[in-house]
Every structure is written in C-alpha cells, then in structure tokens.
N, C-alpha and C. Protein backbone atom coordinates (compact mmCIF):
# COMPACT_ATOMS: atom_id res chain seq x y z
N MET A 1 -77.97 -93.93 45.03
CA MET A 1 -78.93 -93.53 44.00
C MET A 1 -78.19 -93.33 42.67
N ASP A 2 -78.78 -93.82 41.59
CA ASP A 2 -78.10 -93.81 40.29
C ASP A 2 -78.33 -92.52 39.49
N LYS A 3 -78.84 -91.50 40.15
CA LYS A 3 -78.96 -90.17 39.54
C LYS A 3 -78.81 -89.13 40.64
N LEU A 4 -78.60 -87.89 40.24
CA LEU A 4 -78.48 -86.82 41.21
C LEU A 4 -79.82 -86.59 41.91
N SER A 5 -79.75 -86.03 43.10
CA SER A 5 -80.98 -85.57 43.74
C SER A 5 -81.56 -84.44 42.90
N GLU A 6 -82.84 -84.18 43.07
CA GLU A 6 -83.47 -83.11 42.29
C GLU A 6 -82.79 -81.77 42.55
N THR A 7 -82.40 -81.53 43.80
CA THR A 7 -81.71 -80.27 44.14
C THR A 7 -80.38 -80.16 43.41
N ASP A 8 -79.60 -81.25 43.41
CA ASP A 8 -78.31 -81.22 42.73
C ASP A 8 -78.47 -81.14 41.21
N ALA A 9 -79.50 -81.81 40.67
CA ALA A 9 -79.74 -81.76 39.22
C ALA A 9 -80.05 -80.32 38.79
N LYS A 10 -80.88 -79.63 39.57
CA LYS A 10 -81.20 -78.24 39.24
C LYS A 10 -79.96 -77.36 39.38
N LEU A 11 -79.14 -77.64 40.39
CA LEU A 11 -77.91 -76.87 40.58
C LEU A 11 -76.97 -77.08 39.41
N PHE A 12 -76.83 -78.34 38.97
CA PHE A 12 -75.96 -78.62 37.82
C PHE A 12 -76.40 -77.81 36.61
N HIS A 13 -77.68 -77.85 36.28
CA HIS A 13 -78.15 -77.14 35.09
C HIS A 13 -78.00 -75.63 35.24
N LYS A 14 -78.20 -75.11 36.43
CA LYS A 14 -78.01 -73.68 36.64
C LYS A 14 -76.57 -73.27 36.34
N ILE A 15 -75.61 -74.04 36.86
CA ILE A 15 -74.21 -73.71 36.65
C ILE A 15 -73.79 -73.94 35.21
N MET A 16 -74.19 -75.09 34.64
CA MET A 16 -73.80 -75.39 33.26
C MET A 16 -74.39 -74.38 32.28
N ASP A 17 -75.65 -74.02 32.46
CA ASP A 17 -76.27 -73.05 31.56
C ASP A 17 -75.59 -71.69 31.67
N SER A 18 -75.22 -71.30 32.88
CA SER A 18 -74.52 -70.03 33.08
C SER A 18 -73.18 -70.04 32.35
N LEU A 19 -72.45 -71.15 32.48
CA LEU A 19 -71.15 -71.27 31.82
C LEU A 19 -71.28 -71.25 30.30
N LEU A 20 -72.22 -72.01 29.77
CA LEU A 20 -72.39 -72.08 28.31
C LEU A 20 -72.87 -70.75 27.74
N PHE A 21 -73.74 -70.07 28.46
CA PHE A 21 -74.22 -68.76 28.01
C PHE A 21 -73.07 -67.76 27.98
N PHE A 22 -72.24 -67.78 29.00
CA PHE A 22 -71.06 -66.91 29.05
C PHE A 22 -70.13 -67.22 27.88
N ALA A 23 -69.88 -68.51 27.64
CA ALA A 23 -68.98 -68.90 26.55
C ALA A 23 -69.55 -68.49 25.20
N ASN A 24 -70.86 -68.61 25.04
CA ASN A 24 -71.46 -68.22 23.76
C ASN A 24 -71.29 -66.73 23.49
N LYS A 25 -71.36 -65.93 24.52
CA LYS A 25 -71.14 -64.49 24.33
C LYS A 25 -69.72 -64.21 23.86
N LYS A 26 -68.79 -65.04 24.29
CA LYS A 26 -67.39 -64.91 23.85
C LYS A 26 -67.21 -65.44 22.43
N LEU A 27 -67.84 -66.56 22.13
CA LEU A 27 -67.62 -67.26 20.87
C LEU A 27 -68.60 -66.85 19.77
N ASN A 28 -69.77 -66.36 20.17
CA ASN A 28 -70.82 -65.95 19.23
C ASN A 28 -71.22 -67.09 18.28
N VAL A 29 -71.37 -68.27 18.85
CA VAL A 29 -71.81 -69.42 18.07
C VAL A 29 -73.29 -69.30 17.74
N ILE A 30 -74.11 -69.05 18.77
CA ILE A 30 -75.54 -68.81 18.58
C ILE A 30 -75.75 -67.31 18.49
N LYS A 31 -76.16 -66.85 17.34
CA LYS A 31 -76.25 -65.41 17.07
C LYS A 31 -77.46 -64.79 17.78
N ASN A 32 -77.35 -63.50 18.04
CA ASN A 32 -78.47 -62.71 18.58
C ASN A 32 -79.09 -63.37 19.81
N CYS A 33 -78.22 -63.77 20.70
CA CYS A 33 -78.65 -64.44 21.93
C CYS A 33 -78.14 -63.62 23.11
N ASN A 34 -78.99 -62.73 23.61
CA ASN A 34 -78.53 -61.76 24.60
C ASN A 34 -78.98 -62.06 26.02
N THR A 35 -79.88 -63.00 26.18
CA THR A 35 -80.35 -63.37 27.52
C THR A 35 -80.36 -64.88 27.65
N LEU A 36 -80.37 -65.34 28.90
CA LEU A 36 -80.39 -66.78 29.14
C LEU A 36 -81.69 -67.40 28.62
N ASP A 37 -82.79 -66.66 28.70
CA ASP A 37 -84.05 -67.17 28.15
C ASP A 37 -83.95 -67.40 26.65
N GLU A 38 -83.32 -66.46 25.95
CA GLU A 38 -83.12 -66.62 24.50
C GLU A 38 -82.20 -67.81 24.22
N PHE A 39 -81.21 -67.98 25.06
CA PHE A 39 -80.29 -69.11 24.92
C PHE A 39 -81.04 -70.43 25.06
N HIS A 40 -81.95 -70.49 26.04
CA HIS A 40 -82.71 -71.72 26.28
C HIS A 40 -83.66 -72.05 25.14
N ARG A 41 -84.08 -71.06 24.38
CA ARG A 41 -85.03 -71.31 23.30
C ARG A 41 -84.38 -71.98 22.09
N ASN A 42 -83.07 -72.09 22.08
CA ASN A 42 -82.37 -72.74 20.98
C ASN A 42 -82.30 -74.25 21.20
N ASN A 43 -82.28 -74.99 20.10
CA ASN A 43 -82.12 -76.43 20.19
C ASN A 43 -80.80 -76.76 20.88
N VAL A 44 -80.83 -77.73 21.77
CA VAL A 44 -79.63 -78.06 22.55
C VAL A 44 -78.46 -78.46 21.67
N GLU A 45 -78.74 -79.00 20.47
CA GLU A 45 -77.66 -79.40 19.58
C GLU A 45 -76.84 -78.21 19.09
N LYS A 46 -77.42 -77.02 19.13
CA LYS A 46 -76.66 -75.83 18.75
C LYS A 46 -75.56 -75.51 19.75
N THR A 47 -75.67 -76.07 20.95
CA THR A 47 -74.65 -75.80 21.97
C THR A 47 -73.44 -76.72 21.85
N ILE A 48 -73.49 -77.69 20.95
CA ILE A 48 -72.38 -78.65 20.84
C ILE A 48 -71.04 -77.97 20.57
N PRO A 49 -70.95 -77.04 19.60
CA PRO A 49 -69.65 -76.38 19.39
C PRO A 49 -69.18 -75.59 20.61
N ILE A 50 -70.13 -75.02 21.35
CA ILE A 50 -69.77 -74.28 22.56
C ILE A 50 -69.20 -75.23 23.60
N ARG A 51 -69.85 -76.35 23.81
CA ARG A 51 -69.38 -77.34 24.78
C ARG A 51 -67.99 -77.84 24.41
N LYS A 52 -67.78 -78.14 23.14
CA LYS A 52 -66.48 -78.64 22.71
C LYS A 52 -65.37 -77.63 23.02
N LYS A 53 -65.64 -76.36 22.77
CA LYS A 53 -64.65 -75.32 23.04
C LYS A 53 -64.40 -75.16 24.53
N VAL A 54 -65.46 -75.14 25.31
CA VAL A 54 -65.33 -74.98 26.76
C VAL A 54 -64.48 -76.10 27.36
N PHE A 55 -64.74 -77.34 26.94
CA PHE A 55 -64.06 -78.46 27.57
C PHE A 55 -62.71 -78.80 26.94
N SER A 56 -62.43 -78.25 25.77
CA SER A 56 -61.13 -78.49 25.14
C SER A 56 -60.13 -77.39 25.47
N ASP A 57 -60.63 -76.25 25.94
CA ASP A 57 -59.76 -75.11 26.24
C ASP A 57 -60.18 -74.54 27.60
N SER A 58 -59.39 -74.83 28.62
CA SER A 58 -59.77 -74.41 29.98
C SER A 58 -59.72 -72.90 30.17
N THR A 59 -59.22 -72.18 29.16
CA THR A 59 -59.19 -70.72 29.26
C THR A 59 -60.58 -70.15 29.48
N LEU A 60 -61.57 -70.70 28.81
CA LEU A 60 -62.93 -70.19 28.96
C LEU A 60 -63.46 -70.41 30.37
N ILE A 61 -63.12 -71.55 30.96
CA ILE A 61 -63.53 -71.79 32.35
C ILE A 61 -62.83 -70.80 33.28
N ASP A 62 -61.55 -70.56 33.04
CA ASP A 62 -60.81 -69.60 33.86
C ASP A 62 -61.41 -68.20 33.74
N GLU A 63 -61.77 -67.81 32.53
CA GLU A 63 -62.37 -66.49 32.32
C GLU A 63 -63.72 -66.40 33.03
N TYR A 64 -64.50 -67.46 32.93
CA TYR A 64 -65.80 -67.48 33.59
C TYR A 64 -65.65 -67.32 35.10
N VAL A 65 -64.72 -68.06 35.67
CA VAL A 65 -64.49 -68.01 37.12
C VAL A 65 -64.01 -66.62 37.53
N ALA A 66 -63.15 -66.02 36.72
CA ALA A 66 -62.63 -64.69 37.04
C ALA A 66 -63.74 -63.64 37.03
N VAL A 67 -64.63 -63.73 36.05
CA VAL A 67 -65.71 -62.74 35.93
C VAL A 67 -66.86 -63.08 36.88
N ASN A 68 -67.16 -64.39 37.00
CA ASN A 68 -68.27 -64.88 37.82
C ASN A 68 -69.53 -64.05 37.55
N PRO A 69 -70.05 -64.11 36.32
CA PRO A 69 -71.12 -63.21 35.91
C PRO A 69 -72.42 -63.34 36.71
N ASP A 70 -72.67 -64.51 37.28
CA ASP A 70 -73.90 -64.72 38.04
C ASP A 70 -73.66 -64.79 39.54
N ASN A 71 -72.47 -64.33 39.96
CA ASN A 71 -72.13 -64.27 41.39
C ASN A 71 -72.35 -65.61 42.10
N LEU A 72 -71.79 -66.65 41.52
CA LEU A 72 -71.89 -67.96 42.15
C LEU A 72 -71.09 -67.97 43.45
N PRO A 73 -71.57 -68.65 44.47
CA PRO A 73 -70.81 -68.77 45.71
C PRO A 73 -69.59 -69.67 45.51
N PRO A 74 -68.64 -69.63 46.45
CA PRO A 74 -67.39 -70.39 46.28
C PRO A 74 -67.57 -71.88 46.03
N ASP A 75 -68.56 -72.51 46.69
CA ASP A 75 -68.72 -73.95 46.48
C ASP A 75 -69.17 -74.28 45.06
N GLU A 76 -69.93 -73.37 44.44
CA GLU A 76 -70.36 -73.60 43.05
C GLU A 76 -69.23 -73.28 42.07
N ILE A 77 -68.43 -72.28 42.38
CA ILE A 77 -67.25 -71.99 41.56
C ILE A 77 -66.30 -73.18 41.58
N LYS A 78 -66.19 -73.81 42.73
CA LYS A 78 -65.32 -74.99 42.84
C LYS A 78 -65.78 -76.10 41.90
N ILE A 79 -67.10 -76.27 41.76
CA ILE A 79 -67.64 -77.27 40.83
C ILE A 79 -67.22 -76.95 39.41
N VAL A 80 -67.34 -75.68 39.02
CA VAL A 80 -66.95 -75.28 37.65
C VAL A 80 -65.47 -75.62 37.40
N LEU A 81 -64.63 -75.33 38.36
CA LEU A 81 -63.19 -75.58 38.18
C LEU A 81 -62.88 -77.06 37.99
N THR A 82 -63.68 -77.93 38.60
CA THR A 82 -63.44 -79.37 38.42
C THR A 82 -63.73 -79.80 36.99
N TRP A 83 -64.49 -78.99 36.25
CA TRP A 83 -64.84 -79.37 34.88
C TRP A 83 -63.68 -79.19 33.90
N LYS A 84 -62.54 -78.73 34.41
CA LYS A 84 -61.35 -78.73 33.56
C LYS A 84 -60.92 -80.16 33.24
N ARG A 85 -61.39 -81.09 34.06
CA ARG A 85 -61.09 -82.51 33.82
C ARG A 85 -62.36 -83.19 33.33
N SER A 86 -62.31 -83.67 32.13
CA SER A 86 -63.47 -84.34 31.54
C SER A 86 -62.97 -85.38 30.56
N LEU A 87 -63.88 -86.22 30.11
CA LEU A 87 -63.51 -87.27 29.16
C LEU A 87 -64.66 -87.48 28.18
N GLU A 88 -64.41 -87.17 26.91
CA GLU A 88 -65.41 -87.40 25.86
C GLU A 88 -64.94 -88.52 24.96
N ASP A 89 -65.81 -89.49 24.72
CA ASP A 89 -65.46 -90.59 23.82
C ASP A 89 -66.69 -91.49 23.66
N ASP A 90 -66.48 -92.60 22.96
CA ASP A 90 -67.51 -93.63 22.85
C ASP A 90 -67.38 -94.58 24.04
N PHE A 91 -68.51 -94.90 24.65
CA PHE A 91 -68.57 -95.82 25.78
C PHE A 91 -69.66 -96.85 25.54
N TYR A 92 -69.54 -97.97 26.26
CA TYR A 92 -70.63 -98.94 26.34
C TYR A 92 -71.23 -98.88 27.75
N ILE A 93 -72.55 -98.76 27.83
CA ILE A 93 -73.20 -99.00 29.11
C ILE A 93 -73.41 -100.51 29.20
N VAL A 94 -72.77 -101.14 30.18
CA VAL A 94 -72.81 -102.59 30.25
C VAL A 94 -73.65 -103.13 31.41
N LYS A 95 -73.97 -102.28 32.38
CA LYS A 95 -74.76 -102.77 33.51
C LYS A 95 -75.31 -101.58 34.29
N TYR A 96 -76.44 -101.80 34.93
CA TYR A 96 -77.05 -100.76 35.77
C TYR A 96 -76.96 -101.18 37.23
N GLU A 97 -76.16 -100.46 37.98
CA GLU A 97 -76.01 -100.71 39.40
C GLU A 97 -76.95 -99.80 40.19
N LYS A 98 -77.03 -100.04 41.48
CA LYS A 98 -77.87 -99.22 42.34
C LYS A 98 -77.39 -97.78 42.40
N GLU A 99 -76.06 -97.58 42.38
CA GLU A 99 -75.48 -96.25 42.56
C GLU A 99 -75.09 -95.57 41.27
N TYR A 100 -75.04 -96.30 40.15
CA TYR A 100 -74.59 -95.72 38.89
C TYR A 100 -74.82 -96.70 37.75
N ALA A 101 -74.66 -96.18 36.53
CA ALA A 101 -74.58 -97.05 35.36
C ALA A 101 -73.10 -97.37 35.13
N LEU A 102 -72.81 -98.60 34.78
CA LEU A 102 -71.43 -99.02 34.57
C LEU A 102 -71.06 -98.80 33.10
N PHE A 103 -70.11 -97.90 32.88
CA PHE A 103 -69.65 -97.56 31.54
C PHE A 103 -68.30 -98.21 31.27
N LEU A 104 -68.17 -98.87 30.13
CA LEU A 104 -66.89 -99.42 29.70
C LEU A 104 -66.29 -98.53 28.64
N HIS A 105 -65.05 -98.10 28.86
CA HIS A 105 -64.31 -97.33 27.87
C HIS A 105 -63.25 -98.26 27.27
N SER A 106 -63.58 -98.86 26.15
CA SER A 106 -62.70 -99.86 25.55
C SER A 106 -61.35 -99.28 25.15
N LYS A 107 -61.36 -98.04 24.69
CA LYS A 107 -60.12 -97.45 24.18
C LYS A 107 -59.03 -97.39 25.25
N GLU A 108 -59.40 -96.95 26.45
CA GLU A 108 -58.39 -96.86 27.50
C GLU A 108 -58.50 -97.99 28.52
N GLN A 109 -59.42 -98.95 28.26
CA GLN A 109 -59.55 -100.12 29.11
C GLN A 109 -59.81 -99.77 30.57
N LYS A 110 -60.88 -99.02 30.79
CA LYS A 110 -61.30 -98.65 32.13
C LYS A 110 -62.83 -98.67 32.22
N ALA A 111 -63.32 -98.79 33.44
CA ALA A 111 -64.76 -98.79 33.68
C ALA A 111 -65.11 -97.64 34.61
N TYR A 112 -66.22 -96.98 34.30
CA TYR A 112 -66.63 -95.80 35.07
C TYR A 112 -68.04 -95.98 35.61
N GLY A 113 -68.26 -95.51 36.82
CA GLY A 113 -69.59 -95.49 37.41
C GLY A 113 -70.17 -94.10 37.22
N VAL A 114 -71.24 -93.97 36.42
CA VAL A 114 -71.76 -92.67 36.01
C VAL A 114 -73.22 -92.53 36.43
N LYS A 115 -73.52 -91.44 37.09
CA LYS A 115 -74.89 -91.15 37.50
C LYS A 115 -75.61 -90.36 36.42
N GLY A 116 -76.93 -90.51 36.36
CA GLY A 116 -77.75 -89.65 35.53
C GLY A 116 -77.94 -88.30 36.22
N ILE A 117 -78.64 -87.40 35.55
CA ILE A 117 -78.88 -86.08 36.14
C ILE A 117 -80.30 -86.07 36.70
N PHE A 118 -81.30 -85.71 35.91
CA PHE A 118 -82.68 -85.82 36.39
C PHE A 118 -83.20 -87.25 36.27
N ASP A 119 -82.74 -87.97 35.23
CA ASP A 119 -83.15 -89.35 35.00
C ASP A 119 -81.92 -90.24 35.01
N SER A 120 -82.05 -91.42 35.56
CA SER A 120 -80.94 -92.38 35.53
C SER A 120 -80.81 -92.94 34.11
N PHE A 121 -79.65 -93.52 33.82
CA PHE A 121 -79.47 -94.18 32.53
C PHE A 121 -80.35 -95.42 32.44
N ASN A 122 -80.57 -96.06 33.56
CA ASN A 122 -81.48 -97.21 33.59
C ASN A 122 -82.86 -96.79 33.09
N GLU A 123 -83.33 -95.64 33.55
CA GLU A 123 -84.63 -95.12 33.12
C GLU A 123 -84.60 -94.72 31.65
N LYS A 124 -83.53 -94.08 31.24
CA LYS A 124 -83.44 -93.59 29.86
C LYS A 124 -83.46 -94.74 28.85
N PHE A 125 -82.84 -95.87 29.21
CA PHE A 125 -82.74 -96.98 28.27
C PHE A 125 -83.58 -98.19 28.69
N ASP A 126 -84.52 -97.96 29.60
CA ASP A 126 -85.44 -99.02 30.03
C ASP A 126 -84.73 -100.29 30.47
N GLY A 127 -83.58 -100.12 31.10
CA GLY A 127 -82.86 -101.27 31.62
C GLY A 127 -82.12 -102.09 30.57
N TYR A 128 -82.12 -101.63 29.32
CA TYR A 128 -81.46 -102.41 28.26
C TYR A 128 -79.94 -102.17 28.28
N ALA A 129 -79.19 -103.22 28.08
CA ALA A 129 -77.74 -103.14 27.95
C ALA A 129 -77.26 -104.33 27.11
N PRO A 130 -76.17 -104.18 26.35
CA PRO A 130 -75.32 -103.00 26.28
C PRO A 130 -75.88 -101.93 25.34
N VAL A 131 -75.45 -100.70 25.61
CA VAL A 131 -75.77 -99.55 24.77
C VAL A 131 -74.46 -98.84 24.47
N MET A 132 -74.25 -98.46 23.23
CA MET A 132 -73.06 -97.69 22.87
C MET A 132 -73.49 -96.24 22.65
N LEU A 133 -72.71 -95.31 23.22
CA LEU A 133 -73.06 -93.90 23.08
C LEU A 133 -71.82 -93.03 23.11
N ARG A 134 -71.98 -91.85 22.53
CA ARG A 134 -70.95 -90.80 22.59
C ARG A 134 -71.34 -89.84 23.70
N ILE A 135 -70.43 -89.60 24.64
CA ILE A 135 -70.79 -88.82 25.81
C ILE A 135 -69.53 -88.20 26.42
N ARG A 136 -69.71 -87.08 27.12
CA ARG A 136 -68.60 -86.48 27.86
C ARG A 136 -68.87 -86.63 29.35
N LEU A 137 -67.97 -87.30 30.04
CA LEU A 137 -68.07 -87.47 31.48
C LEU A 137 -67.41 -86.29 32.18
N ILE A 138 -68.07 -85.79 33.21
CA ILE A 138 -67.53 -84.69 34.00
C ILE A 138 -67.79 -84.98 35.48
N PRO A 139 -67.00 -84.38 36.36
CA PRO A 139 -67.26 -84.56 37.79
C PRO A 139 -68.34 -83.61 38.29
N PHE A 140 -69.02 -84.03 39.35
CA PHE A 140 -69.97 -83.16 40.04
C PHE A 140 -69.95 -83.55 41.50
N ASN A 141 -69.35 -82.69 42.31
CA ASN A 141 -69.13 -83.01 43.73
C ASN A 141 -68.40 -84.35 43.83
N ASP A 142 -69.00 -85.36 44.45
CA ASP A 142 -68.29 -86.62 44.64
C ASP A 142 -68.72 -87.70 43.65
N ALA A 143 -69.27 -87.29 42.52
CA ALA A 143 -69.78 -88.26 41.54
C ALA A 143 -69.27 -87.92 40.14
N LEU A 144 -69.43 -88.88 39.23
CA LEU A 144 -69.24 -88.62 37.81
C LEU A 144 -70.61 -88.57 37.16
N ILE A 145 -70.84 -87.52 36.37
CA ILE A 145 -72.07 -87.40 35.60
C ILE A 145 -71.66 -87.12 34.15
N TYR A 146 -72.45 -86.37 33.41
CA TYR A 146 -72.10 -86.01 32.04
C TYR A 146 -72.50 -84.55 31.82
N ASP A 147 -72.13 -84.00 30.68
CA ASP A 147 -72.29 -82.55 30.50
C ASP A 147 -73.70 -82.14 30.10
N GLY A 148 -74.64 -83.09 30.08
CA GLY A 148 -76.03 -82.76 29.81
C GLY A 148 -76.56 -83.21 28.46
N ILE A 149 -75.68 -83.74 27.62
CA ILE A 149 -76.11 -84.19 26.29
C ILE A 149 -75.29 -85.42 25.91
N PHE A 150 -75.92 -86.39 25.25
CA PHE A 150 -75.19 -87.56 24.75
C PHE A 150 -75.89 -88.07 23.50
N PHE A 151 -75.19 -88.95 22.78
CA PHE A 151 -75.69 -89.42 21.49
C PHE A 151 -75.55 -90.94 21.41
N PRO A 152 -76.65 -91.68 21.60
CA PRO A 152 -76.59 -93.14 21.50
C PRO A 152 -76.50 -93.59 20.05
N TYR A 153 -75.78 -94.67 19.83
CA TYR A 153 -75.71 -95.29 18.50
C TYR A 153 -76.82 -96.33 18.38
N GLN A 154 -77.43 -96.38 17.23
CA GLN A 154 -78.50 -97.35 16.97
C GLN A 154 -77.87 -98.66 16.52
N ILE A 155 -77.31 -99.38 17.49
CA ILE A 155 -76.59 -100.62 17.20
C ILE A 155 -77.15 -101.74 18.08
N SER A 156 -77.37 -102.89 17.48
CA SER A 156 -77.75 -104.08 18.24
C SER A 156 -76.54 -105.00 18.34
N PHE A 157 -76.39 -105.65 19.47
CA PHE A 157 -75.21 -106.47 19.72
C PHE A 157 -75.61 -107.94 19.81
N GLY A 158 -74.90 -108.75 19.05
CA GLY A 158 -75.12 -110.18 19.07
C GLY A 158 -74.46 -110.83 20.28
N GLY A 159 -74.68 -112.13 20.42
CA GLY A 159 -74.18 -112.85 21.57
C GLY A 159 -72.66 -112.81 21.70
N GLY A 160 -71.96 -112.87 20.57
CA GLY A 160 -70.50 -112.86 20.61
C GLY A 160 -69.95 -111.57 21.17
N ILE A 161 -70.49 -110.44 20.70
CA ILE A 161 -70.04 -109.14 21.18
C ILE A 161 -70.41 -108.96 22.65
N ARG A 162 -71.60 -109.38 23.01
CA ARG A 162 -72.04 -109.24 24.41
C ARG A 162 -71.13 -110.05 25.34
N SER A 163 -70.77 -111.24 24.92
CA SER A 163 -69.87 -112.06 25.72
C SER A 163 -68.49 -111.43 25.83
N SER A 164 -68.01 -110.88 24.70
CA SER A 164 -66.71 -110.22 24.70
C SER A 164 -66.68 -109.01 25.63
N LEU A 165 -67.75 -108.22 25.59
CA LEU A 165 -67.83 -107.05 26.47
C LEU A 165 -67.87 -107.46 27.94
N LYS A 166 -68.54 -108.57 28.22
CA LYS A 166 -68.62 -109.07 29.59
C LYS A 166 -67.23 -109.42 30.10
N VAL A 167 -66.46 -110.14 29.29
CA VAL A 167 -65.11 -110.53 29.68
C VAL A 167 -64.22 -109.30 29.83
N GLU A 168 -64.33 -108.38 28.88
CA GLU A 168 -63.51 -107.18 28.91
C GLU A 168 -63.81 -106.33 30.14
N THR A 169 -65.08 -106.18 30.46
CA THR A 169 -65.48 -105.40 31.62
C THR A 169 -64.94 -106.01 32.90
N ALA A 170 -65.08 -107.32 33.04
CA ALA A 170 -64.57 -107.99 34.24
C ALA A 170 -63.07 -107.79 34.38
N ALA A 171 -62.34 -107.83 33.26
CA ALA A 171 -60.88 -107.68 33.30
C ALA A 171 -60.47 -106.28 33.73
N VAL A 172 -61.14 -105.25 33.20
CA VAL A 172 -60.73 -103.89 33.55
C VAL A 172 -61.13 -103.55 34.99
N ILE A 173 -62.24 -104.12 35.46
CA ILE A 173 -62.62 -103.91 36.86
C ILE A 173 -61.62 -104.58 37.79
N GLN A 174 -61.18 -105.76 37.40
CA GLN A 174 -60.17 -106.45 38.21
C GLN A 174 -58.89 -105.61 38.29
N LYS A 175 -58.55 -104.94 37.20
CA LYS A 175 -57.29 -104.20 37.15
C LYS A 175 -57.37 -102.84 37.83
N TYR A 176 -58.48 -102.11 37.59
CA TYR A 176 -58.57 -100.73 38.08
C TYR A 176 -59.75 -100.46 39.00
N GLY A 177 -60.66 -101.41 39.16
CA GLY A 177 -61.88 -101.12 39.89
C GLY A 177 -62.83 -100.31 39.03
N VAL A 178 -63.88 -99.76 39.63
CA VAL A 178 -64.82 -98.89 38.94
C VAL A 178 -64.48 -97.45 39.32
N ILE A 179 -64.19 -96.63 38.34
CA ILE A 179 -63.77 -95.25 38.57
C ILE A 179 -65.00 -94.37 38.75
N THR A 180 -65.07 -93.66 39.86
CA THR A 180 -66.21 -92.79 40.14
C THR A 180 -65.77 -91.36 40.44
N SER A 181 -64.49 -91.05 40.16
CA SER A 181 -63.98 -89.71 40.43
C SER A 181 -62.79 -89.45 39.52
N PHE A 182 -62.59 -88.18 39.17
CA PHE A 182 -61.40 -87.77 38.41
C PHE A 182 -60.35 -87.13 39.33
N GLU A 183 -60.58 -87.16 40.63
CA GLU A 183 -59.72 -86.42 41.55
C GLU A 183 -58.33 -87.02 41.68
N SER A 184 -58.23 -88.34 41.67
CA SER A 184 -56.94 -89.00 41.90
C SER A 184 -56.54 -89.83 40.69
N PRO A 185 -55.24 -90.00 40.48
CA PRO A 185 -54.80 -90.87 39.38
C PRO A 185 -55.32 -92.29 39.57
N VAL A 186 -55.65 -92.92 38.46
CA VAL A 186 -56.15 -94.29 38.51
C VAL A 186 -54.97 -95.25 38.62
N GLN A 187 -55.03 -96.14 39.59
CA GLN A 187 -53.96 -97.09 39.81
C GLN A 187 -54.50 -98.51 39.77
N GLU A 188 -53.62 -99.43 39.42
CA GLU A 188 -54.02 -100.83 39.44
C GLU A 188 -54.31 -101.26 40.87
N ARG A 189 -55.23 -102.17 41.01
CA ARG A 189 -55.65 -102.57 42.34
C ARG A 189 -55.84 -104.07 42.40
N LYS A 190 -55.97 -104.57 43.62
CA LYS A 190 -56.29 -105.98 43.82
C LYS A 190 -57.78 -106.09 44.06
N THR A 191 -58.42 -107.02 43.39
CA THR A 191 -59.86 -107.21 43.51
C THR A 191 -60.15 -108.59 44.09
N SER A 192 -61.04 -108.64 45.04
CA SER A 192 -61.37 -109.91 45.67
C SER A 192 -62.14 -110.81 44.71
N ASP A 193 -62.08 -112.12 44.96
CA ASP A 193 -62.83 -113.07 44.14
C ASP A 193 -64.33 -112.77 44.21
N GLU A 194 -64.80 -112.35 45.37
CA GLU A 194 -66.23 -112.05 45.54
C GLU A 194 -66.65 -110.90 44.64
N GLU A 195 -65.81 -109.86 44.57
CA GLU A 195 -66.15 -108.71 43.73
C GLU A 195 -66.12 -109.09 42.26
N MET A 196 -65.15 -109.90 41.87
CA MET A 196 -65.08 -110.33 40.47
C MET A 196 -66.33 -111.12 40.08
N LEU A 197 -66.79 -112.02 40.95
CA LEU A 197 -67.99 -112.80 40.65
C LEU A 197 -69.21 -111.90 40.48
N ARG A 198 -69.25 -110.83 41.23
CA ARG A 198 -70.37 -109.88 41.14
C ARG A 198 -70.51 -109.35 39.73
N TYR A 199 -69.37 -109.08 39.08
CA TYR A 199 -69.42 -108.51 37.74
C TYR A 199 -69.45 -109.57 36.65
N LYS A 200 -68.90 -110.73 36.91
CA LYS A 200 -68.89 -111.78 35.88
C LYS A 200 -70.28 -112.35 35.64
N ARG A 201 -71.08 -112.42 36.70
CA ARG A 201 -72.40 -113.05 36.57
C ARG A 201 -73.39 -112.21 35.77
N PRO A 202 -73.67 -110.95 36.20
CA PRO A 202 -74.76 -110.24 35.55
C PRO A 202 -74.37 -108.96 34.81
N VAL A 203 -73.13 -108.89 34.28
CA VAL A 203 -72.70 -107.63 33.68
C VAL A 203 -73.66 -107.19 32.58
N LEU A 204 -74.00 -108.09 31.67
CA LEU A 204 -74.91 -107.73 30.58
C LEU A 204 -76.25 -108.41 30.79
N GLN A 205 -77.30 -107.70 30.45
CA GLN A 205 -78.65 -108.20 30.69
C GLN A 205 -79.29 -108.64 29.38
C-alpha cells in the first residue's frame, strides 16, 4: 500500500503533534499556546520553524524522550528516536508504484520509496509525474514517510527534462536500488536486467 494504514496515520500525527507541541513550549515560536487544541488552531505553516529546529538539533528529541510528557509507550518512543535521521531537500516524484511514490534526489543521486500518510502521493497529485517538491523524509516503523508538510513547486517539465529524469532515475536505481529505510548505510548493488527494464519503461507518465 502506498500510504500508511489509517491506524498508523493517526498514530503518526499523535506522536508528531505531541513532539511539536513540546518543542514549541521550549522555543516559544507560537505565542500563547498552552494546550494542544490551541496548537492545532494555528496554521500549519507556523510550525515550520519548530520542525526545522526539531530535526536539525536532536537535543529537542532527546529532551522530549526524557520527559515523555504524554506517557508514550516504549514502541512509540522508539519511533520518535528514529526521527533523529531525516532528509530535507528538493525531490522529484518520478513514478507511482503500488507500495510507494518513487522520489529522485538529484543532489545525492539516490532514489527513495516514500509512502503517503492519510493520502498517497498518487492521490495528492492525481497520478501526474514528474513533480518537484520540497519535503523532509523521515522513517516510520519499516517505511519512509514525511514529516507532515511539503511544498510543491509550480513547474512544468518539457520532454527533454522528462527524458533526462528517466535516464537519471534508472541509473541511480541500478547503482543503489530504491531506498525505503534509513536504518542501514546505502551501498552499491547489482540490479538485474529485468528490474532495470521495469524502471526504464514507465518511470515518467
């Protein structure tokens, strides 16, 4: 499935909202926000500075885990700790697979398989690709998702760029495969001819 189950999506938002609310109390980015309900009433874009601080400085995650203000059970605390590893940058969505959207990170020449949360990326973009967007990838259990907010660029791609992205995507998949976890270092791999053909044929729609 190319998005989280409804149960996991609700769990993600519960944990993320708890973490961001805790961080805001430390940082005081959103003023006069004393309850989670008040926090939710703010525009999500106001949380951007909080998110940047949380994911750029793992101290806040460590403090949250130490205090555990909402008494999360150990398995949920473990999820929070995995968020010390994240990746924010510009990506291209180049294809929609059954299990994830295929993201190309041109800067580091890698491809990532990313699930949606409540909605798949296929649903969000009506199956259109390529799409360029600014997003932060984070782990969630055995999948890669995002931190709950992203910013698509209003860019149309001509045939030349689309062809170039197709070739680039095939090359990085051949070299590293599709990355769906931050748990292990990414290593070069051997890819079968059959797998390469899978991506060369329909990468861009």
